[in-house]
């Protein structure tokens, strides 16, 4: 028998290693492609997608090393516990992709190849379908409105007439003192009656806050702030 396909360590062969590495790379690369084409917003980073692929391959290797040895499992947990990840995820859906690549790596590393392939195809189809048909999207689009005004101005009911005219819903979210306390920043959540009236809406608000800054962040539901 060819020595290159005989047992390499007494637990797995070179052929096992090749299959695990190639399959984990192919499936996790496919997941990365699904992430790329379904991503919405402004937080897309190439490095995150590359990390997804690497994560799946590395987890597969780790599972291959552990095998059914409990002692190795505890040793790896102990050694990996010193690693700290401090990058905050900007999108909650990123967590799902991370867990997906980890699950695929675990399945492939434990040689459940068919399970890994079926899971990758099935979950990817779910993601593509939800993105294509825009599942769970809200038809009413709320927007963030930021208004700066001098401190002496009483803001409680100041903008009510404008809100009644241009919005179907408005809610004060926060009040902050800015610029060393010389200005007050009001943050509202608003739903405009007509999107083509944004310029007029902002213009009328500026008349009431003495020309200070007014910012309407349109489409913040799909952008990352």
N, C-alpha and C. Protein backbone atom coordinates (compact mmCIF):
# COMPACT_ATOMS: atom_id res chain seq x y z
N UNK A 1 0.85 -1.19 0.00
CA UNK A 1 0.00 0.00 0.00
C UNK A 1 0.89 1.25 0.00
N UNK A 2 0.44 2.25 -0.74
CA UNK A 2 1.18 3.50 -0.81
C UNK A 2 1.31 4.11 0.58
N UNK A 3 2.52 4.43 1.03
CA UNK A 3 2.70 4.98 2.39
C UNK A 3 2.00 6.31 2.60
N UNK A 4 1.70 7.04 1.51
CA UNK A 4 1.07 8.35 1.65
C UNK A 4 -0.41 8.26 2.01
N UNK A 5 -0.99 7.06 1.86
CA UNK A 5 -2.40 6.94 2.22
C UNK A 5 -2.60 6.02 3.41
N UNK A 6 -1.49 5.57 4.00
CA UNK A 6 -1.61 4.80 5.24
C UNK A 6 -1.83 5.74 6.41
N UNK A 7 -2.16 5.18 7.55
CA UNK A 7 -2.43 6.01 8.72
C UNK A 7 -1.23 6.89 9.03
N UNK A 8 -1.52 8.19 9.18
CA UNK A 8 -0.45 9.16 9.43
C UNK A 8 -0.13 9.26 10.92
N UNK A 9 -1.15 9.15 11.75
CA UNK A 9 -0.94 9.28 13.18
C UNK A 9 -1.57 8.14 13.96
N UNK A 10 -2.12 7.19 13.29
CA UNK A 10 -2.85 6.13 13.96
C UNK A 10 -4.31 6.45 14.13
N UNK A 11 -4.72 7.70 13.82
CA UNK A 11 -6.11 8.13 13.97
C UNK A 11 -6.74 8.49 12.64
N UNK A 12 -5.99 9.23 11.81
CA UNK A 12 -6.49 9.61 10.49
C UNK A 12 -5.35 9.55 9.49
N UNK A 13 -5.72 9.43 8.23
CA UNK A 13 -4.74 9.29 7.16
C UNK A 13 -4.56 10.61 6.43
N UNK A 14 -3.59 10.63 5.54
CA UNK A 14 -3.38 11.81 4.70
C UNK A 14 -4.61 12.09 3.86
N UNK A 15 -5.26 11.04 3.39
CA UNK A 15 -6.48 11.22 2.60
C UNK A 15 -7.56 11.90 3.42
N UNK A 16 -7.68 11.52 4.71
CA UNK A 16 -8.66 12.18 5.58
C UNK A 16 -8.36 13.67 5.71
N UNK A 17 -7.09 13.99 5.89
CA UNK A 17 -6.70 15.39 6.05
C UNK A 17 -7.03 16.18 4.80
N UNK A 18 -6.73 15.62 3.63
CA UNK A 18 -6.99 16.31 2.36
C UNK A 18 -8.48 16.55 2.18
N UNK A 19 -9.29 15.53 2.45
CA UNK A 19 -10.75 15.67 2.30
C UNK A 19 -11.29 16.74 3.25
N UNK A 20 -10.85 16.70 4.50
CA UNK A 20 -11.33 17.66 5.49
C UNK A 20 -10.96 19.08 5.09
N UNK A 21 -9.72 19.30 4.70
CA UNK A 21 -9.27 20.65 4.34
C UNK A 21 -9.99 21.17 3.10
N UNK A 22 -10.07 20.33 2.06
CA UNK A 22 -10.70 20.78 0.81
C UNK A 22 -12.20 21.02 1.00
N UNK A 23 -12.88 20.09 1.66
CA UNK A 23 -14.33 20.24 1.81
C UNK A 23 -14.68 21.43 2.70
N UNK A 24 -13.94 21.62 3.79
CA UNK A 24 -14.20 22.77 4.66
C UNK A 24 -13.95 24.08 3.93
N UNK A 25 -12.90 24.11 3.11
CA UNK A 25 -12.62 25.32 2.34
C UNK A 25 -13.72 25.60 1.33
N UNK A 26 -14.15 24.59 0.59
CA UNK A 26 -15.16 24.78 -0.46
C UNK A 26 -16.48 25.23 0.15
N UNK A 27 -16.94 24.56 1.21
CA UNK A 27 -18.23 24.91 1.80
C UNK A 27 -18.20 26.28 2.46
N UNK A 28 -17.12 26.58 3.18
CA UNK A 28 -17.03 27.88 3.84
C UNK A 28 -16.84 29.01 2.83
N UNK A 29 -16.15 28.73 1.73
CA UNK A 29 -16.03 29.73 0.66
C UNK A 29 -17.40 30.00 0.04
N UNK A 30 -18.22 28.95 -0.10
CA UNK A 30 -19.58 29.13 -0.62
C UNK A 30 -20.41 29.97 0.34
N UNK A 31 -20.24 29.75 1.65
CA UNK A 31 -20.94 30.56 2.64
C UNK A 31 -20.49 32.02 2.55
N UNK A 32 -19.19 32.23 2.35
CA UNK A 32 -18.68 33.59 2.18
C UNK A 32 -19.27 34.27 0.96
N UNK A 33 -19.46 33.53 -0.11
CA UNK A 33 -20.07 34.08 -1.32
C UNK A 33 -21.52 34.45 -1.05
N UNK A 34 -22.24 33.61 -0.32
CA UNK A 34 -23.63 33.91 0.03
C UNK A 34 -23.68 35.18 0.89
N UNK A 35 -22.75 35.30 1.84
CA UNK A 35 -22.70 36.50 2.67
C UNK A 35 -22.47 37.74 1.81
N UNK A 36 -21.57 37.64 0.85
CA UNK A 36 -21.23 38.80 0.01
C UNK A 36 -22.42 39.28 -0.80
N UNK A 37 -23.14 38.36 -1.43
CA UNK A 37 -24.22 38.79 -2.34
C UNK A 37 -25.51 39.14 -1.59
N UNK A 38 -25.62 38.75 -0.32
CA UNK A 38 -26.84 39.07 0.43
C UNK A 38 -26.63 40.19 1.43
N UNK A 39 -25.42 40.71 1.52
CA UNK A 39 -25.14 41.75 2.52
C UNK A 39 -25.83 43.05 2.14
N UNK A 40 -26.39 43.70 3.14
CA UNK A 40 -27.01 45.00 2.96
C UNK A 40 -26.39 45.97 3.96
N UNK A 41 -26.30 47.22 3.60
CA UNK A 41 -25.73 48.21 4.51
C UNK A 41 -24.33 48.60 4.10
N UNK A 42 -23.68 49.33 5.00
CA UNK A 42 -22.37 49.91 4.68
C UNK A 42 -21.22 49.28 5.44
N UNK A 43 -21.47 48.19 6.17
CA UNK A 43 -20.43 47.64 7.04
C UNK A 43 -19.68 46.46 6.42
N UNK A 44 -19.86 46.22 5.14
CA UNK A 44 -19.19 45.07 4.51
C UNK A 44 -17.69 45.24 4.53
N UNK A 45 -16.99 44.18 4.98
CA UNK A 45 -15.54 44.18 4.95
C UNK A 45 -15.04 42.87 4.36
N UNK A 46 -14.10 42.95 3.48
CA UNK A 46 -13.53 41.77 2.85
C UNK A 46 -12.86 40.87 3.89
N UNK A 47 -12.22 41.48 4.87
CA UNK A 47 -11.50 40.70 5.87
C UNK A 47 -12.44 39.82 6.69
N UNK A 48 -13.67 40.29 6.93
CA UNK A 48 -14.62 39.49 7.70
C UNK A 48 -14.99 38.23 6.93
N UNK A 49 -15.22 38.37 5.62
CA UNK A 49 -15.59 37.21 4.81
C UNK A 49 -14.43 36.22 4.74
N UNK A 50 -13.23 36.74 4.58
CA UNK A 50 -12.06 35.86 4.57
C UNK A 50 -11.91 35.15 5.92
N UNK A 51 -12.23 35.85 7.00
CA UNK A 51 -12.16 35.24 8.32
C UNK A 51 -13.18 34.11 8.46
N UNK A 52 -14.36 34.28 7.86
CA UNK A 52 -15.36 33.21 7.89
C UNK A 52 -14.81 31.92 7.28
N UNK A 53 -14.14 32.07 6.13
CA UNK A 53 -13.58 30.90 5.45
C UNK A 53 -12.49 30.27 6.31
N UNK A 54 -11.58 31.11 6.81
CA UNK A 54 -10.50 30.59 7.66
C UNK A 54 -11.03 29.93 8.92
N UNK A 55 -12.08 30.52 9.51
CA UNK A 55 -12.64 29.98 10.74
C UNK A 55 -13.17 28.57 10.53
N UNK A 56 -13.89 28.37 9.43
CA UNK A 56 -14.43 27.04 9.15
C UNK A 56 -13.33 26.01 8.96
N UNK A 57 -12.29 26.37 8.23
CA UNK A 57 -11.18 25.44 7.99
C UNK A 57 -10.45 25.13 9.29
N UNK A 58 -10.21 26.16 10.09
CA UNK A 58 -9.48 25.97 11.35
C UNK A 58 -10.28 25.11 12.32
N UNK A 59 -11.58 25.35 12.41
CA UNK A 59 -12.42 24.53 13.30
C UNK A 59 -12.41 23.08 12.85
N UNK A 60 -12.43 22.85 11.54
CA UNK A 60 -12.36 21.47 11.02
C UNK A 60 -11.05 20.80 11.44
N UNK A 61 -9.95 21.56 11.37
CA UNK A 61 -8.66 21.01 11.79
C UNK A 61 -8.66 20.70 13.28
N UNK A 62 -9.23 21.62 14.07
CA UNK A 62 -9.29 21.41 15.51
C UNK A 62 -10.09 20.15 15.84
N UNK A 63 -11.25 19.99 15.18
CA UNK A 63 -12.07 18.81 15.44
C UNK A 63 -11.36 17.53 15.01
N UNK A 64 -10.57 17.63 13.96
CA UNK A 64 -9.81 16.47 13.51
C UNK A 64 -8.75 16.09 14.54
N UNK A 65 -8.14 17.11 15.13
CA UNK A 65 -7.12 16.87 16.15
C UNK A 65 -7.75 16.27 17.40
N UNK A 66 -8.89 16.80 17.81
CA UNK A 66 -9.54 16.32 19.03
C UNK A 66 -10.00 14.88 18.88
N UNK A 67 -10.69 14.60 17.75
CA UNK A 67 -11.24 13.27 17.56
C UNK A 67 -12.19 12.91 18.67
N UNK A 68 -11.98 11.79 19.32
CA UNK A 68 -12.81 11.37 20.44
C UNK A 68 -12.04 11.41 21.75
N UNK A 69 -10.91 12.11 21.73
CA UNK A 69 -10.06 12.17 22.92
C UNK A 69 -10.50 13.32 23.82
N UNK A 70 -11.07 13.02 24.98
CA UNK A 70 -11.56 14.04 25.90
C UNK A 70 -10.42 14.88 26.45
N UNK A 71 -9.28 14.25 26.71
CA UNK A 71 -8.13 14.98 27.25
C UNK A 71 -7.67 16.07 26.28
N UNK A 72 -7.63 15.74 24.99
CA UNK A 72 -7.24 16.74 23.98
C UNK A 72 -8.25 17.88 23.94
N UNK A 73 -9.51 17.54 24.07
CA UNK A 73 -10.55 18.57 24.03
C UNK A 73 -10.36 19.58 25.16
N UNK A 74 -10.13 19.10 26.37
CA UNK A 74 -9.92 20.01 27.49
C UNK A 74 -8.64 20.80 27.35
N UNK A 75 -7.61 20.18 26.79
CA UNK A 75 -6.34 20.88 26.58
C UNK A 75 -6.51 22.03 25.58
N UNK A 76 -7.27 21.78 24.50
CA UNK A 76 -7.50 22.82 23.50
C UNK A 76 -8.36 23.95 24.05
N UNK A 77 -9.38 23.60 24.84
CA UNK A 77 -10.22 24.63 25.46
C UNK A 77 -9.37 25.52 26.36
N UNK A 78 -8.50 24.91 27.13
CA UNK A 78 -7.64 25.68 28.01
C UNK A 78 -6.69 26.59 27.27
N UNK A 79 -6.12 26.08 26.17
CA UNK A 79 -5.17 26.90 25.41
C UNK A 79 -5.86 28.02 24.64
N UNK A 80 -7.09 27.77 24.19
CA UNK A 80 -7.81 28.80 23.42
C UNK A 80 -8.45 29.85 24.32
N UNK A 81 -8.57 29.56 25.61
CA UNK A 81 -9.21 30.50 26.52
C UNK A 81 -8.40 31.78 26.71
N UNK A 82 -7.12 31.75 26.33
CA UNK A 82 -6.29 32.95 26.48
C UNK A 82 -6.53 33.95 25.35
N UNK A 83 -7.27 33.53 24.31
CA UNK A 83 -7.52 34.41 23.17
C UNK A 83 -8.69 35.33 23.50
N UNK A 84 -8.53 36.62 23.19
CA UNK A 84 -9.59 37.60 23.42
C UNK A 84 -9.93 38.29 22.11
N UNK A 85 -11.22 38.31 21.80
CA UNK A 85 -11.69 38.99 20.60
C UNK A 85 -12.40 40.26 21.02
N UNK A 86 -11.93 41.39 20.54
CA UNK A 86 -12.46 42.67 20.98
C UNK A 86 -13.20 43.42 19.88
N UNK A 87 -13.28 42.88 18.68
CA UNK A 87 -14.00 43.55 17.60
C UNK A 87 -15.50 43.32 17.74
N UNK A 88 -16.25 44.40 17.84
CA UNK A 88 -17.71 44.28 17.95
C UNK A 88 -18.31 44.04 16.57
N UNK A 89 -19.29 43.15 16.51
CA UNK A 89 -19.98 42.88 15.25
C UNK A 89 -20.99 43.98 14.99
N UNK A 90 -20.99 44.51 13.77
CA UNK A 90 -21.88 45.61 13.43
C UNK A 90 -23.26 45.13 13.03
N UNK A 91 -23.39 43.88 12.64
CA UNK A 91 -24.69 43.35 12.24
C UNK A 91 -24.96 42.05 12.98
N UNK A 92 -26.20 41.89 13.43
CA UNK A 92 -26.55 40.68 14.15
C UNK A 92 -26.48 39.45 13.25
N UNK A 93 -26.72 39.62 11.95
CA UNK A 93 -26.69 38.48 11.04
C UNK A 93 -25.28 37.91 10.90
N UNK A 94 -24.27 38.71 11.20
CA UNK A 94 -22.90 38.21 11.15
C UNK A 94 -22.69 37.07 12.14
N UNK A 95 -23.39 37.13 13.28
CA UNK A 95 -23.27 36.07 14.27
C UNK A 95 -23.75 34.74 13.68
N UNK A 96 -24.84 34.81 12.91
CA UNK A 96 -25.35 33.60 12.27
C UNK A 96 -24.36 32.98 11.32
N UNK A 97 -23.69 33.81 10.53
CA UNK A 97 -22.69 33.28 9.59
C UNK A 97 -21.49 32.69 10.33
N UNK A 98 -21.10 33.32 11.44
CA UNK A 98 -19.98 32.78 12.22
C UNK A 98 -20.34 31.39 12.76
N UNK A 99 -21.53 31.27 13.33
CA UNK A 99 -21.96 29.97 13.86
C UNK A 99 -22.11 28.94 12.75
N UNK A 100 -22.54 29.38 11.57
CA UNK A 100 -22.68 28.45 10.45
C UNK A 100 -21.33 27.87 10.05
N UNK A 101 -20.33 28.72 9.90
CA UNK A 101 -19.01 28.22 9.52
C UNK A 101 -18.41 27.34 10.61
N UNK A 102 -18.66 27.69 11.87
CA UNK A 102 -18.18 26.85 12.97
C UNK A 102 -18.86 25.48 12.92
N UNK A 103 -20.18 25.47 12.70
CA UNK A 103 -20.92 24.21 12.63
C UNK A 103 -20.43 23.35 11.47
N UNK A 104 -20.17 23.99 10.31
CA UNK A 104 -19.67 23.24 9.16
C UNK A 104 -18.28 22.66 9.46
N UNK A 105 -17.43 23.47 10.08
CA UNK A 105 -16.10 22.99 10.44
C UNK A 105 -16.16 21.81 11.40
N UNK A 106 -17.08 21.89 12.37
CA UNK A 106 -17.22 20.80 13.33
C UNK A 106 -17.72 19.53 12.65
N UNK A 107 -18.70 19.68 11.77
CA UNK A 107 -19.25 18.51 11.08
C UNK A 107 -18.20 17.86 10.18
N UNK A 108 -17.46 18.68 9.45
CA UNK A 108 -16.44 18.14 8.54
C UNK A 108 -15.29 17.53 9.33
N UNK A 109 -14.86 18.21 10.40
CA UNK A 109 -13.75 17.71 11.21
C UNK A 109 -14.07 16.39 11.89
N UNK A 110 -15.34 16.14 12.16
CA UNK A 110 -15.75 14.86 12.75
C UNK A 110 -16.22 13.87 11.68
N UNK A 111 -16.02 14.25 10.41
CA UNK A 111 -16.23 13.40 9.24
C UNK A 111 -17.71 13.10 8.96
N UNK A 112 -18.58 14.04 9.34
CA UNK A 112 -19.98 13.98 8.92
C UNK A 112 -20.11 14.80 7.63
N UNK A 113 -19.51 14.30 6.57
CA UNK A 113 -19.39 15.05 5.33
C UNK A 113 -20.76 15.35 4.71
N UNK A 114 -21.62 14.34 4.64
CA UNK A 114 -22.93 14.53 4.02
C UNK A 114 -23.76 15.54 4.80
N UNK A 115 -23.71 15.45 6.13
CA UNK A 115 -24.42 16.42 6.96
C UNK A 115 -23.94 17.84 6.68
N UNK A 116 -22.63 18.03 6.57
CA UNK A 116 -22.07 19.35 6.32
C UNK A 116 -22.54 19.90 4.97
N UNK A 117 -22.54 19.06 3.95
CA UNK A 117 -22.95 19.50 2.61
C UNK A 117 -24.43 19.88 2.60
N UNK A 118 -25.27 19.01 3.17
CA UNK A 118 -26.71 19.28 3.19
C UNK A 118 -27.00 20.55 3.99
N UNK A 119 -26.36 20.70 5.16
CA UNK A 119 -26.58 21.88 6.00
C UNK A 119 -26.15 23.15 5.28
N UNK A 120 -25.00 23.12 4.61
CA UNK A 120 -24.51 24.31 3.91
C UNK A 120 -25.47 24.72 2.79
N UNK A 121 -25.94 23.74 2.03
CA UNK A 121 -26.87 24.03 0.92
C UNK A 121 -28.20 24.55 1.46
N UNK A 122 -28.73 23.88 2.48
CA UNK A 122 -30.05 24.23 3.00
C UNK A 122 -30.05 25.63 3.63
N UNK A 123 -29.08 25.90 4.50
CA UNK A 123 -29.02 27.21 5.16
C UNK A 123 -28.75 28.32 4.15
N UNK A 124 -27.88 28.06 3.16
CA UNK A 124 -27.60 29.07 2.13
C UNK A 124 -28.86 29.39 1.33
N UNK A 125 -29.64 28.37 1.03
CA UNK A 125 -30.90 28.60 0.30
C UNK A 125 -31.86 29.44 1.13
N UNK A 126 -31.93 29.17 2.43
CA UNK A 126 -32.80 29.96 3.31
C UNK A 126 -32.38 31.43 3.27
N UNK A 127 -31.07 31.69 3.36
CA UNK A 127 -30.57 33.06 3.36
C UNK A 127 -30.88 33.75 2.03
N UNK A 128 -30.64 33.04 0.93
CA UNK A 128 -30.90 33.62 -0.39
C UNK A 128 -32.39 33.91 -0.59
N UNK A 129 -33.25 33.01 -0.14
CA UNK A 129 -34.70 33.22 -0.29
C UNK A 129 -35.16 34.40 0.55
N UNK A 130 -34.71 34.49 1.81
CA UNK A 130 -35.10 35.60 2.66
C UNK A 130 -34.65 36.94 2.10
N UNK A 131 -33.45 36.95 1.52
CA UNK A 131 -32.94 38.18 0.93
C UNK A 131 -33.68 38.54 -0.34
N UNK A 132 -33.92 37.54 -1.19
CA UNK A 132 -34.58 37.78 -2.48
C UNK A 132 -35.99 38.32 -2.30
N UNK A 133 -36.74 37.76 -1.37
CA UNK A 133 -38.13 38.16 -1.17
C UNK A 133 -38.31 39.13 -0.02
N UNK A 134 -37.20 39.60 0.53
CA UNK A 134 -37.21 40.67 1.53
C UNK A 134 -38.12 40.33 2.70
N UNK A 135 -37.93 39.14 3.25
CA UNK A 135 -38.76 38.70 4.36
C UNK A 135 -38.58 39.59 5.58
N UNK A 136 -39.66 39.81 6.30
CA UNK A 136 -39.70 40.52 7.58
C UNK A 136 -39.33 42.00 7.48
N UNK A 137 -39.35 42.53 6.28
CA UNK A 137 -39.09 43.98 6.13
C UNK A 137 -40.31 44.77 6.60
N UNK A 138 -40.06 45.87 7.22
CA UNK A 138 -41.15 46.75 7.67
C UNK A 138 -41.54 47.68 6.54
N UNK A 139 -42.84 47.79 6.31
CA UNK A 139 -43.31 48.67 5.24
C UNK A 139 -43.26 50.14 5.66
N UNK A 140 -43.37 50.38 6.95
CA UNK A 140 -43.25 51.74 7.47
C UNK A 140 -41.80 51.99 7.83
N UNK A 141 -41.17 52.94 7.16
CA UNK A 141 -39.75 53.20 7.36
C UNK A 141 -39.58 54.35 8.35
N UNK A 142 -39.02 54.05 9.49
CA UNK A 142 -38.73 55.10 10.47
C UNK A 142 -37.33 55.66 10.19
N UNK A 143 -37.17 56.93 10.50
CA UNK A 143 -35.91 57.61 10.25
C UNK A 143 -35.47 58.37 11.50
N UNK A 144 -34.17 58.59 11.58
CA UNK A 144 -33.61 59.29 12.73
C UNK A 144 -33.45 60.78 12.38
N UNK A 145 -34.00 61.61 13.25
CA UNK A 145 -33.92 63.06 13.07
C UNK A 145 -33.13 63.66 14.22
N UNK A 146 -32.08 64.43 13.89
CA UNK A 146 -31.26 65.09 14.91
C UNK A 146 -31.40 66.60 14.74
N UNK A 147 -31.73 67.27 15.83
CA UNK A 147 -31.93 68.72 15.80
C UNK A 147 -31.09 69.37 16.88
N UNK A 148 -30.31 70.36 16.49
CA UNK A 148 -29.53 71.14 17.46
C UNK A 148 -30.19 72.50 17.63
N UNK A 149 -30.31 72.95 18.89
CA UNK A 149 -30.90 74.27 19.13
C UNK A 149 -30.29 74.89 20.39
N UNK A 150 -30.28 76.24 20.47
CA UNK A 150 -29.71 76.92 21.63
C UNK A 150 -30.47 76.55 22.90
N UNK A 151 -29.76 76.52 24.03
CA UNK A 151 -30.35 76.09 25.30
C UNK A 151 -31.56 76.89 25.76
N UNK A 152 -31.61 78.22 25.59
CA UNK A 152 -32.77 78.95 26.13
C UNK A 152 -34.09 78.55 25.47
N UNK A 153 -34.05 77.95 24.30
CA UNK A 153 -35.29 77.62 23.59
C UNK A 153 -35.98 76.43 24.24
N UNK A 154 -37.27 76.56 24.51
CA UNK A 154 -38.06 75.47 25.06
C UNK A 154 -38.50 74.57 23.91
N UNK A 155 -38.09 73.30 23.96
CA UNK A 155 -38.29 72.41 22.82
C UNK A 155 -39.48 71.46 22.97
N UNK A 156 -40.14 71.45 24.12
CA UNK A 156 -41.16 70.43 24.41
C UNK A 156 -42.22 70.35 23.32
N UNK A 157 -42.76 71.50 22.92
CA UNK A 157 -43.82 71.51 21.90
C UNK A 157 -43.43 72.36 20.69
N UNK A 158 -42.18 72.76 20.63
CA UNK A 158 -41.74 73.69 19.58
C UNK A 158 -41.97 73.14 18.18
N UNK A 159 -41.68 71.86 17.97
CA UNK A 159 -41.73 71.29 16.62
C UNK A 159 -43.03 70.53 16.32
N UNK A 160 -43.98 70.56 17.26
CA UNK A 160 -45.22 69.79 17.08
C UNK A 160 -45.99 70.16 15.80
N UNK A 161 -46.14 71.43 15.46
CA UNK A 161 -46.88 71.76 14.23
C UNK A 161 -46.21 71.18 12.97
N UNK A 162 -44.89 71.20 12.93
CA UNK A 162 -44.19 70.66 11.76
C UNK A 162 -44.32 69.14 11.73
N UNK A 163 -44.22 68.51 12.89
CA UNK A 163 -44.36 67.05 12.94
C UNK A 163 -45.76 66.63 12.51
N UNK A 164 -46.78 67.37 12.95
CA UNK A 164 -48.16 67.03 12.58
C UNK A 164 -48.38 67.17 11.07
N UNK A 165 -47.69 68.10 10.48
CA UNK A 165 -47.86 68.36 9.05
C UNK A 165 -47.14 67.34 8.17
N UNK A 166 -45.95 66.94 8.57
CA UNK A 166 -45.11 66.13 7.68
C UNK A 166 -44.91 64.68 8.12
N UNK A 167 -45.22 64.35 9.36
CA UNK A 167 -44.96 62.98 9.83
C UNK A 167 -46.24 62.29 10.28
N UNK A 168 -46.23 60.97 10.18
CA UNK A 168 -47.34 60.18 10.69
C UNK A 168 -47.01 59.65 12.09
N UNK A 169 -45.75 59.73 12.46
CA UNK A 169 -45.33 59.31 13.81
C UNK A 169 -44.04 60.03 14.16
N UNK A 170 -43.95 60.49 15.39
CA UNK A 170 -42.71 61.10 15.88
C UNK A 170 -42.55 60.78 17.35
N UNK A 171 -41.31 60.50 17.74
CA UNK A 171 -41.04 60.13 19.13
C UNK A 171 -39.66 60.64 19.53
N UNK A 172 -39.60 61.35 20.64
CA UNK A 172 -38.33 61.85 21.15
C UNK A 172 -37.57 60.70 21.79
N UNK A 173 -36.34 60.47 21.30
CA UNK A 173 -35.53 59.35 21.79
C UNK A 173 -34.54 59.78 22.86
N UNK A 174 -33.84 60.88 22.60
CA UNK A 174 -32.83 61.32 23.57
C UNK A 174 -32.64 62.83 23.50
N UNK A 175 -32.13 63.37 24.61
CA UNK A 175 -31.79 64.80 24.72
C UNK A 175 -30.39 64.88 25.29
N UNK A 176 -29.47 65.56 24.58
CA UNK A 176 -28.08 65.66 25.04
C UNK A 176 -27.60 67.10 24.96
N UNK A 177 -26.77 67.48 25.92
CA UNK A 177 -26.11 68.78 25.87
C UNK A 177 -24.80 68.63 25.10
N UNK A 178 -24.57 69.48 24.11
CA UNK A 178 -23.36 69.40 23.29
C UNK A 178 -22.69 70.76 23.22
N UNK A 179 -21.46 70.75 22.67
CA UNK A 179 -20.67 71.98 22.53
C UNK A 179 -20.56 72.71 23.88
N UNK A 180 -20.07 71.97 24.88
CA UNK A 180 -19.86 72.53 26.22
C UNK A 180 -21.13 73.09 26.84
N UNK A 181 -22.27 72.49 26.49
CA UNK A 181 -23.53 72.89 27.08
C UNK A 181 -24.20 74.08 26.43
N UNK A 182 -23.63 74.59 25.34
CA UNK A 182 -24.23 75.76 24.69
C UNK A 182 -25.40 75.36 23.79
N UNK A 183 -25.42 74.11 23.35
CA UNK A 183 -26.50 73.64 22.49
C UNK A 183 -27.11 72.36 23.06
N UNK A 184 -28.35 72.13 22.69
CA UNK A 184 -29.03 70.89 23.05
C UNK A 184 -29.31 70.11 21.78
N UNK A 185 -28.98 68.80 21.79
CA UNK A 185 -29.26 67.95 20.64
C UNK A 185 -30.44 67.04 20.95
N UNK A 186 -31.46 67.14 20.11
CA UNK A 186 -32.64 66.30 20.24
C UNK A 186 -32.60 65.21 19.17
N UNK A 187 -32.87 64.00 19.56
CA UNK A 187 -32.90 62.88 18.61
C UNK A 187 -34.31 62.30 18.60
N UNK A 188 -34.93 62.32 17.41
CA UNK A 188 -36.29 61.82 17.25
C UNK A 188 -36.29 60.61 16.31
N UNK A 189 -37.29 59.76 16.50
CA UNK A 189 -37.62 58.74 15.50
C UNK A 189 -38.88 59.21 14.81
N UNK A 190 -38.82 59.38 13.49
CA UNK A 190 -39.96 59.93 12.75
C UNK A 190 -40.30 59.05 11.55
N UNK A 191 -41.56 59.08 11.17
CA UNK A 191 -42.03 58.42 9.95
C UNK A 191 -42.68 59.49 9.09
N UNK A 192 -42.07 59.80 7.95
CA UNK A 192 -42.58 60.85 7.08
C UNK A 192 -43.79 60.36 6.30
N UNK A 193 -44.75 61.26 6.10
CA UNK A 193 -45.92 60.92 5.31
C UNK A 193 -45.55 60.75 3.84
N UNK A 194 -44.66 61.63 3.34
CA UNK A 194 -44.21 61.57 1.95
C UNK A 194 -42.71 61.77 1.91
N UNK A 195 -42.00 60.83 1.28
CA UNK A 195 -40.55 60.91 1.23
C UNK A 195 -40.04 62.06 0.36
N UNK A 196 -40.88 62.55 -0.55
CA UNK A 196 -40.44 63.64 -1.42
C UNK A 196 -40.54 65.01 -0.75
N UNK A 197 -40.91 65.03 0.53
CA UNK A 197 -41.01 66.30 1.26
C UNK A 197 -39.88 66.49 2.26
N UNK A 198 -38.81 65.70 2.12
CA UNK A 198 -37.71 65.77 3.09
C UNK A 198 -37.09 67.16 3.14
N UNK A 199 -36.80 67.73 1.98
CA UNK A 199 -36.14 69.03 1.93
C UNK A 199 -37.00 70.11 2.59
N UNK A 200 -38.29 70.11 2.31
CA UNK A 200 -39.19 71.10 2.90
C UNK A 200 -39.32 70.89 4.40
N UNK A 201 -39.38 69.64 4.81
CA UNK A 201 -39.48 69.30 6.23
C UNK A 201 -38.27 69.83 7.00
N UNK A 202 -37.08 69.56 6.49
CA UNK A 202 -35.86 70.01 7.15
C UNK A 202 -35.78 71.53 7.15
N UNK A 203 -36.20 72.16 6.06
CA UNK A 203 -36.16 73.61 5.96
C UNK A 203 -37.06 74.27 7.01
N UNK A 204 -38.24 73.74 7.23
CA UNK A 204 -39.16 74.32 8.21
C UNK A 204 -38.65 74.11 9.64
N UNK A 205 -37.97 72.99 9.87
CA UNK A 205 -37.40 72.77 11.19
C UNK A 205 -36.29 73.77 11.48
N UNK A 206 -35.50 74.11 10.46
CA UNK A 206 -34.40 75.06 10.64
C UNK A 206 -34.91 76.46 10.97
N UNK A 207 -36.10 76.78 10.50
CA UNK A 207 -36.67 78.09 10.83
C UNK A 207 -37.00 78.18 12.32
N UNK A 208 -37.29 77.04 12.94
CA UNK A 208 -37.67 77.03 14.34
C UNK A 208 -36.49 76.90 15.28
N UNK A 209 -35.36 76.35 14.81
CA UNK A 209 -34.21 76.17 15.70
C UNK A 209 -33.11 77.20 15.42
N UNK A 210 -33.52 78.31 14.83
CA UNK A 210 -32.63 79.46 14.56
C UNK A 210 -31.48 79.09 13.63
N UNK A 211 -31.76 78.21 12.67
CA UNK A 211 -30.78 77.90 11.64
C UNK A 211 -29.68 76.95 12.06
N UNK A 212 -29.80 76.36 13.22
CA UNK A 212 -28.79 75.38 13.64
C UNK A 212 -28.97 74.08 12.88
N UNK A 213 -28.06 73.16 13.13
CA UNK A 213 -28.00 71.93 12.35
C UNK A 213 -29.23 71.05 12.55
N UNK A 214 -29.75 70.54 11.40
CA UNK A 214 -30.83 69.55 11.40
C UNK A 214 -30.40 68.42 10.48
N UNK A 215 -30.39 67.19 10.99
CA UNK A 215 -29.96 66.03 10.19
C UNK A 215 -31.05 64.99 10.20
N UNK A 216 -31.46 64.57 8.99
CA UNK A 216 -32.42 63.49 8.85
C UNK A 216 -31.68 62.32 8.22
N UNK A 217 -31.54 61.24 8.97
CA UNK A 217 -30.80 60.08 8.49
C UNK A 217 -31.79 59.13 7.85
N UNK A 218 -31.82 59.15 6.51
CA UNK A 218 -32.77 58.35 5.76
C UNK A 218 -32.23 56.93 5.59
N UNK A 219 -33.11 55.94 5.74
CA UNK A 219 -32.73 54.55 5.50
C UNK A 219 -31.78 54.00 6.51
N UNK A 220 -31.87 54.46 7.78
CA UNK A 220 -30.93 53.96 8.78
C UNK A 220 -31.19 52.50 9.14
N UNK A 221 -32.37 51.98 8.74
CA UNK A 221 -32.65 50.57 9.02
C UNK A 221 -31.73 49.64 8.24
N UNK A 222 -31.26 50.09 7.08
CA UNK A 222 -30.39 49.23 6.26
C UNK A 222 -28.94 49.70 6.26
N UNK A 223 -28.68 50.86 6.87
CA UNK A 223 -27.30 51.35 6.98
C UNK A 223 -26.80 51.11 8.38
N UNK A 224 -25.49 51.05 8.55
CA UNK A 224 -24.89 50.79 9.85
C UNK A 224 -24.33 52.07 10.40
N UNK A 225 -24.87 52.49 11.55
CA UNK A 225 -24.46 53.75 12.13
C UNK A 225 -23.58 53.53 13.34
